[in-house]
Amino acid sequence: MGTNDKASLLPGMAVFVRVVEAGSFSAAARQLGSTASAVSRQVARLEQALSLRLMERTTRQLRLNEAGSEFYAHCRTMLDAADQALAVGERLMSSPRGLVRLSVPKAYGKFVISPLMPEFLRRYDDVDVQLHISDQSPDLIEEGFDLLVQVTNQPPEGLAGKPLGPVRQLLCASPAYLQQHGTPQHPQELLRHSCLYLGENAGDNRWHFSNGEQQEVVTVRGRYISNHSEARLEAALGDIGITVLPQFTAARALEQGRLSEVLPRWRYTGSYQGAAWLLWRQNLHLPPKQRVLIDYLSETLAPR
């Protein structure tokens, strides 16, 4: 095969990578602004030129065969090299520029990330940020995000990332509620209180605590259940009961004295905690616009 013939296959190789990473012809077509049939024809042309079948097709999924897996690895390397070549000019610019798309969980986005954005935008006049706030963690490739924040104990494989700090859960209630109903001194005393809990899973009202070697589990009850921390925050501020909140959600109300921490000597060890991780696709040469936002968030939030 001549050089010109090989060059003519390069666009199809890029399309093939997109199909593999998107998981289907239709998803790849949406990303490329094309049609599923056109994408399928480009892959078929590659297979004809190689005299190889690269993937097994069913009505539900595409699966790479052995030849396809090896071919994909080389194509992916080719595209990474192309990305590095195209990034040369951007790396040489005096300042980063362009749009960075960042997805964050709702409460973390509102209470932690959003307040930091004005200062970042003041520092980098040529960088724009699209902040997407959702508790549904997106697929970086499928949905076109540059960065995402995920609260987890185990970051997903295949992504690069930095921890932004632990997500600690606190028991909180309003001073008015505690004045009227008393302040519990031991987890078992929560049985006499109205407790506001998540309610997404069957065990969400089983609160686990530790204090040194002491372990306690309490099955709480209450009049208000919500699967969002901000809703439970508002209920606690409304004197409805005792709730568990991420520290970053409760921080301002605690500083203002509108909430009081309950059982501060006991550590809540239930679910829905870990660390906040800033994640992105592995890349040897990140665009400067992306790198400066990673560095800014890391320097501002990461534990020292």
Protein backbone atom coordinates (compact mmCIF):
# COMPACT_ATOMS: atom_id res chain seq x y z
CA MET A 1 0.00 0.00 0.00
CA GLY A 2 1.44 3.35 -1.08
CA THR A 3 1.88 6.42 1.11
CA ASN A 4 -1.05 8.18 -0.50
CA ASP A 5 -3.29 5.18 0.08
CA LYS A 6 -2.25 5.06 3.74
CA ALA A 7 -2.89 8.77 4.15
CA SER A 8 -6.38 8.36 2.73
CA LEU A 9 -7.16 5.90 5.53
CA LEU A 10 -6.16 8.27 8.36
CA PRO A 11 -9.61 9.89 8.71
CA GLY A 12 -11.17 6.45 8.89
CA MET A 13 -8.72 5.43 11.60
CA ALA A 14 -9.78 8.46 13.64
CA VAL A 15 -13.43 7.53 13.12
CA PHE A 16 -12.67 3.94 14.18
CA VAL A 17 -11.21 5.18 17.48
CA ARG A 18 -14.29 7.30 18.07
CA VAL A 19 -16.57 4.30 17.43
CA VAL A 20 -14.62 2.11 19.88
CA GLU A 21 -14.59 4.74 22.61
CA ALA A 22 -18.20 5.81 22.09
CA GLY A 23 -19.40 2.20 22.05
CA SER A 24 -21.59 2.38 18.94
CA PHE A 25 -21.82 3.80 15.42
CA SER A 26 -24.74 6.02 16.40
CA ALA A 27 -22.96 7.53 19.44
CA ALA A 28 -19.83 8.17 17.36
CA ALA A 29 -21.94 9.73 14.62
CA ARG A 30 -23.54 12.13 17.10
CA GLN A 31 -20.12 13.25 18.30
CA LEU A 32 -18.85 13.69 14.74
CA GLY A 33 -21.97 15.39 13.39
CA SER A 34 -22.40 12.57 10.90
CA THR A 35 -24.75 9.64 10.40
CA ALA A 36 -24.42 6.08 11.71
CA SER A 37 -24.44 4.69 8.15
CA ALA A 38 -21.60 7.00 7.06
CA VAL A 39 -19.53 6.05 10.09
CA SER A 40 -20.21 2.36 9.45
CA ARG A 41 -19.06 2.73 5.83
CA GLN A 42 -15.75 4.29 6.93
CA VAL A 43 -15.06 1.39 9.28
CA ALA A 44 -16.02 -1.09 6.55
CA ARG A 45 -13.56 0.64 4.18
CA LEU A 46 -10.81 0.21 6.76
CA GLU A 47 -11.60 -3.48 7.12
CA GLN A 48 -11.54 -3.89 3.34
CA ALA A 49 -8.17 -2.15 3.04
CA LEU A 50 -6.73 -4.32 5.82
CA SER A 51 -8.44 -7.50 4.67
CA LEU A 52 -9.38 -7.96 8.33
CA ARG A 53 -12.56 -7.89 10.33
CA LEU A 54 -11.97 -5.52 13.27
CA MET A 55 -15.14 -5.88 15.33
CA GLU A 56 -18.07 -8.20 15.80
CA ARG A 57 -21.41 -6.49 15.37
CA THR A 58 -24.67 -7.49 17.03
CA THR A 59 -27.95 -5.62 17.31
CA ARG A 60 -27.01 -4.55 20.84
CA GLN A 61 -23.28 -3.95 20.91
CA LEU A 62 -19.95 -3.79 19.15
CA ARG A 63 -17.08 -5.93 20.36
CA LEU A 64 -13.47 -5.71 19.23
CA ASN A 65 -11.85 -8.95 18.15
CA GLU A 66 -8.13 -9.63 18.59
CA ALA A 67 -7.15 -7.83 15.38
CA GLY A 68 -9.42 -4.92 16.24
CA SER A 69 -7.90 -4.51 19.69
CA GLU A 70 -4.37 -4.35 18.29
CA PHE A 71 -5.42 -2.01 15.50
CA TYR A 72 -7.25 0.26 17.97
CA ALA A 73 -4.13 0.55 20.17
CA HIS A 74 -2.07 1.79 17.20
CA CYS A 75 -4.80 4.17 16.06
CA ARG A 76 -5.13 5.57 19.59
CA THR A 77 -1.36 6.18 19.69
CA MET A 78 -1.62 7.93 16.33
CA LEU A 79 -4.35 10.26 17.60
CA ASP A 80 -2.48 11.00 20.81
CA ALA A 81 0.54 11.95 18.74
CA ALA A 82 -1.67 14.18 16.58
CA ASP A 83 -3.07 15.83 19.72
CA GLN A 84 0.46 16.53 20.92
CA ALA A 85 1.43 18.00 17.55
CA LEU A 86 -1.64 20.24 17.45
CA ALA A 87 -1.06 21.33 21.05
CA VAL A 88 2.39 22.74 20.28
CA GLY A 89 1.04 26.11 19.27
CA GLU A 90 -1.25 26.30 22.28
CA ARG A 91 1.55 25.40 24.68
CA LEU A 92 3.69 28.17 23.22
CA MET A 93 1.05 30.84 23.72
CA SER A 94 1.80 33.35 26.43
CA SER A 95 -1.46 32.56 28.26
CA PRO A 96 -4.04 29.76 28.20
CA ARG A 97 -7.22 30.40 26.23
CA GLY A 98 -10.48 28.67 25.33
CA LEU A 99 -13.44 26.96 26.99
CA VAL A 100 -13.10 24.37 29.78
CA ARG A 101 -16.15 22.22 30.49
CA LEU A 102 -16.32 21.04 34.11
CA SER A 103 -19.00 18.78 35.64
CA VAL A 104 -19.49 18.66 39.43
CA PRO A 105 -22.02 17.14 41.88
CA LYS A 106 -24.78 19.54 42.90
CA ALA A 107 -23.95 20.30 46.52
CA TYR A 108 -20.18 20.28 45.99
CA GLY A 109 -20.60 22.49 42.95
CA LYS A 110 -22.76 25.03 44.74
CA PHE A 111 -20.92 25.22 48.06
CA VAL A 112 -17.31 24.56 47.01
CA ILE A 113 -16.59 25.02 43.29
CA SER A 114 -18.92 27.84 42.27
CA PRO A 115 -17.59 30.33 44.88
CA LEU A 116 -14.06 29.80 43.48
CA MET A 117 -14.90 30.59 39.86
CA PRO A 118 -14.88 34.43 39.98
CA GLU A 119 -11.27 34.51 41.20
CA PHE A 120 -10.20 31.97 38.56
CA LEU A 121 -11.85 33.97 35.78
CA ARG A 122 -10.17 37.15 37.03
CA ARG A 123 -6.77 35.44 36.90
CA TYR A 124 -7.21 34.01 33.40
CA ASP A 125 -8.89 36.53 31.13
CA ASP A 126 -8.78 34.27 28.07
CA VAL A 127 -10.17 31.13 29.70
CA ASP A 128 -13.93 30.52 29.85
CA VAL A 129 -15.58 27.93 32.08
CA GLN A 130 -18.79 26.01 31.53
CA LEU A 131 -19.80 24.66 34.96
CA HIS A 132 -22.25 21.77 34.72
CA ILE A 133 -23.87 20.93 38.07
CA SER A 134 -25.42 17.45 38.26
CA ASP A 135 -25.36 14.43 40.55
CA GLN A 136 -25.18 12.21 37.46
CA SER A 137 -21.48 11.69 36.79
CA PRO A 138 -20.97 12.15 33.02
CA ASP A 139 -18.89 10.16 30.58
CA LEU A 140 -15.98 12.44 29.68
CA ILE A 141 -15.77 11.13 26.12
CA GLU A 142 -19.45 10.67 25.36
CA GLU A 143 -20.55 14.03 26.76
CA GLY A 144 -17.51 16.09 25.87
CA PHE A 145 -16.37 17.29 29.30
CA ASP A 146 -12.77 18.23 30.01
CA LEU A 147 -12.90 17.70 33.79
CA LEU A 148 -15.24 16.26 36.37
CA VAL A 149 -15.39 16.09 40.15
CA GLN A 150 -16.50 12.82 41.72
CA VAL A 151 -16.89 11.99 45.41
CA THR A 152 -15.55 8.47 45.80
CA ASN A 153 -13.22 6.22 47.77
CA GLN A 154 -11.90 4.69 44.55
CA PRO A 155 -11.43 6.83 41.42
CA PRO A 156 -12.36 5.02 38.19
CA GLU A 157 -9.60 3.28 36.27
CA GLY A 158 -8.41 4.84 33.07
CA LEU A 159 -8.65 8.44 34.27
CA ALA A 160 -6.01 10.75 35.68
CA GLY A 161 -6.89 12.72 38.77
CA LYS A 162 -6.05 14.63 41.92
CA PRO A 163 -7.78 14.48 45.31
CA LEU A 164 -9.27 17.81 46.33
CA GLY A 165 -9.79 16.79 49.93
CA PRO A 166 -11.85 14.46 52.11
CA VAL A 167 -15.62 14.66 52.23
CA ARG A 168 -16.55 14.38 55.90
CA GLN A 169 -20.12 13.96 57.15
CA LEU A 170 -21.33 15.83 60.24
CA LEU A 171 -24.40 15.57 62.45
CA CYS A 172 -26.09 18.97 62.70
CA ALA A 173 -29.21 20.61 64.09
CA SER A 174 -30.40 24.14 64.73
CA PRO A 175 -29.83 25.63 68.20
CA ALA A 176 -33.61 26.13 68.49
CA TYR A 177 -34.28 22.42 67.89
CA LEU A 178 -31.65 21.37 70.43
CA GLN A 179 -32.93 23.84 72.99
CA GLN A 180 -36.43 22.43 72.68
CA HIS A 181 -35.58 18.72 72.43
CA GLY A 182 -32.21 18.43 74.16
CA THR A 183 -28.74 17.71 72.84
CA PRO A 184 -27.85 14.01 72.55
CA GLN A 185 -24.61 12.95 74.21
CA HIS A 186 -24.51 9.40 72.82
CA PRO A 187 -25.58 7.98 69.44
CA GLN A 188 -28.29 5.81 71.03
CA GLU A 189 -30.00 8.97 72.29
CA LEU A 190 -30.82 9.76 68.65
CA LEU A 191 -33.66 7.25 68.99
CA ARG A 192 -35.57 9.95 70.88
CA HIS A 193 -35.07 12.56 68.16
CA SER A 194 -36.44 13.44 64.76
CA CYS A 195 -33.65 12.56 62.34
CA LEU A 196 -33.57 13.68 58.70
CA TYR A 197 -31.98 11.10 56.43
CA LEU A 198 -31.29 10.40 52.78
CA GLY A 199 -33.75 7.62 51.98
CA GLU A 200 -32.27 6.45 48.67
CA ASN A 201 -31.43 2.97 49.94
CA ALA A 202 -32.99 0.72 52.57
CA GLY A 203 -30.13 1.20 55.03
CA ASP A 204 -29.90 4.97 54.83
CA ASN A 205 -31.60 5.35 58.21
CA ARG A 206 -28.98 3.11 59.87
CA TRP A 207 -26.37 5.58 61.07
CA HIS A 208 -22.92 4.22 61.96
CA PHE A 209 -20.57 5.91 64.42
CA SER A 210 -17.13 5.36 65.88
CA ASN A 211 -15.31 6.88 68.85
CA GLY A 212 -11.91 5.27 69.19
CA GLU A 213 -12.62 1.56 69.53
CA GLN A 214 -16.31 2.13 70.28
CA GLN A 215 -18.73 1.38 67.47
CA GLU A 216 -22.43 2.21 67.45
CA VAL A 217 -25.24 1.67 64.93
CA VAL A 218 -28.55 3.47 65.36
CA THR A 219 -31.70 3.00 63.28
CA VAL A 220 -33.10 6.51 63.28
CA ARG A 221 -36.56 7.80 62.47
CA GLY A 222 -37.87 11.19 61.48
CA ARG A 223 -40.61 13.10 59.75
CA TYR A 224 -38.60 14.31 56.76
CA ILE A 225 -36.58 12.29 54.25
CA SER A 226 -34.74 13.78 51.29
CA ASN A 227 -32.12 12.50 48.88
CA HIS A 228 -30.41 15.88 48.60
CA SER A 229 -28.17 17.46 51.20
CA GLU A 230 -29.31 21.01 50.49
CA ALA A 231 -32.93 20.05 51.17
CA ARG A 232 -31.91 18.46 54.47
CA LEU A 233 -29.88 21.57 55.30
CA GLU A 234 -32.95 23.78 54.82
CA ALA A 235 -35.06 21.43 56.97
CA ALA A 236 -32.46 21.46 59.75
CA LEU A 237 -32.35 25.26 59.60
CA GLY A 238 -36.13 25.14 59.92
CA ASP A 239 -35.82 23.37 63.31
CA ILE A 240 -37.19 20.05 61.98
CA GLY A 241 -34.54 17.73 63.43
CA ILE A 242 -31.00 16.36 63.37
CA THR A 243 -29.41 15.49 60.04
CA VAL A 244 -26.18 14.26 58.48
CA LEU A 245 -24.59 16.74 56.07
CA PRO A 246 -21.31 16.98 54.16
CA GLN A 247 -19.04 19.37 56.02
CA PHE A 248 -18.86 21.69 53.01
CA THR A 249 -22.67 21.95 52.92
CA ALA A 250 -22.97 22.77 56.61
CA ALA A 251 -19.84 24.95 56.97
CA ARG A 252 -21.36 28.40 56.48
CA ALA A 253 -24.38 27.74 58.70
CA LEU A 254 -22.06 26.39 61.40
CA GLU A 255 -19.83 29.48 61.19
CA GLN A 256 -22.88 31.72 61.43
CA GLY A 257 -24.26 29.83 64.42
CA ARG A 258 -27.41 28.85 62.55
CA LEU A 259 -26.46 25.18 63.00
CA SER A 260 -24.68 23.35 65.80
CA GLU A 261 -22.65 20.19 65.43
CA VAL A 262 -24.15 17.22 67.28
CA LEU A 263 -22.05 14.42 68.82
CA PRO A 264 -18.74 16.07 67.80
CA ARG A 265 -16.70 13.40 69.60
CA TRP A 266 -18.29 10.67 67.50
CA ARG A 267 -17.34 10.22 63.85
CA TYR A 268 -20.10 9.35 61.42
CA THR A 269 -18.81 6.38 59.42
CA GLY A 270 -21.80 5.60 57.20
CA SER A 271 -21.92 5.70 53.41
CA TYR A 272 -21.77 8.64 51.02
CA GLN A 273 -18.32 9.87 51.90
CA GLY A 274 -14.75 9.54 50.70
CA ALA A 275 -12.77 12.20 48.89
CA ALA A 276 -13.58 14.69 46.16
CA TRP A 277 -11.49 13.80 43.11
CA LEU A 278 -10.83 16.04 40.13
CA LEU A 279 -10.64 13.71 37.12
CA TRP A 280 -9.69 13.98 33.45
CA ARG A 281 -8.69 11.77 30.54
CA GLN A 282 -5.09 10.61 30.68
CA ASN A 283 -3.02 12.79 28.39
CA LEU A 284 0.70 13.47 28.37
CA HIS A 285 0.13 17.05 27.26
CA LEU A 286 -2.96 18.69 28.68
CA PRO A 287 -4.13 21.93 27.03
CA PRO A 288 -2.98 24.93 29.08
CA LYS A 289 -6.59 26.05 29.64
CA GLN A 290 -7.27 22.72 31.33
CA ARG A 291 -3.99 22.61 33.24
CA VAL A 292 -4.48 26.04 34.86
CA LEU A 293 -7.93 25.09 36.16
CA ILE A 294 -6.59 21.79 37.54
CA ASP A 295 -3.74 23.63 39.25
CA TYR A 296 -6.02 26.35 40.61
CA LEU A 297 -8.52 23.94 42.15
CA SER A 298 -5.76 21.70 43.50
CA GLU A 299 -3.86 24.56 45.11
CA THR A 300 -7.02 26.07 46.57
CA LEU A 301 -8.71 22.91 47.88
CA ALA A 302 -6.24 20.06 48.22
CA PRO A 303 -5.12 19.26 51.78
CA ARG A 304 -1.60 20.36 52.70
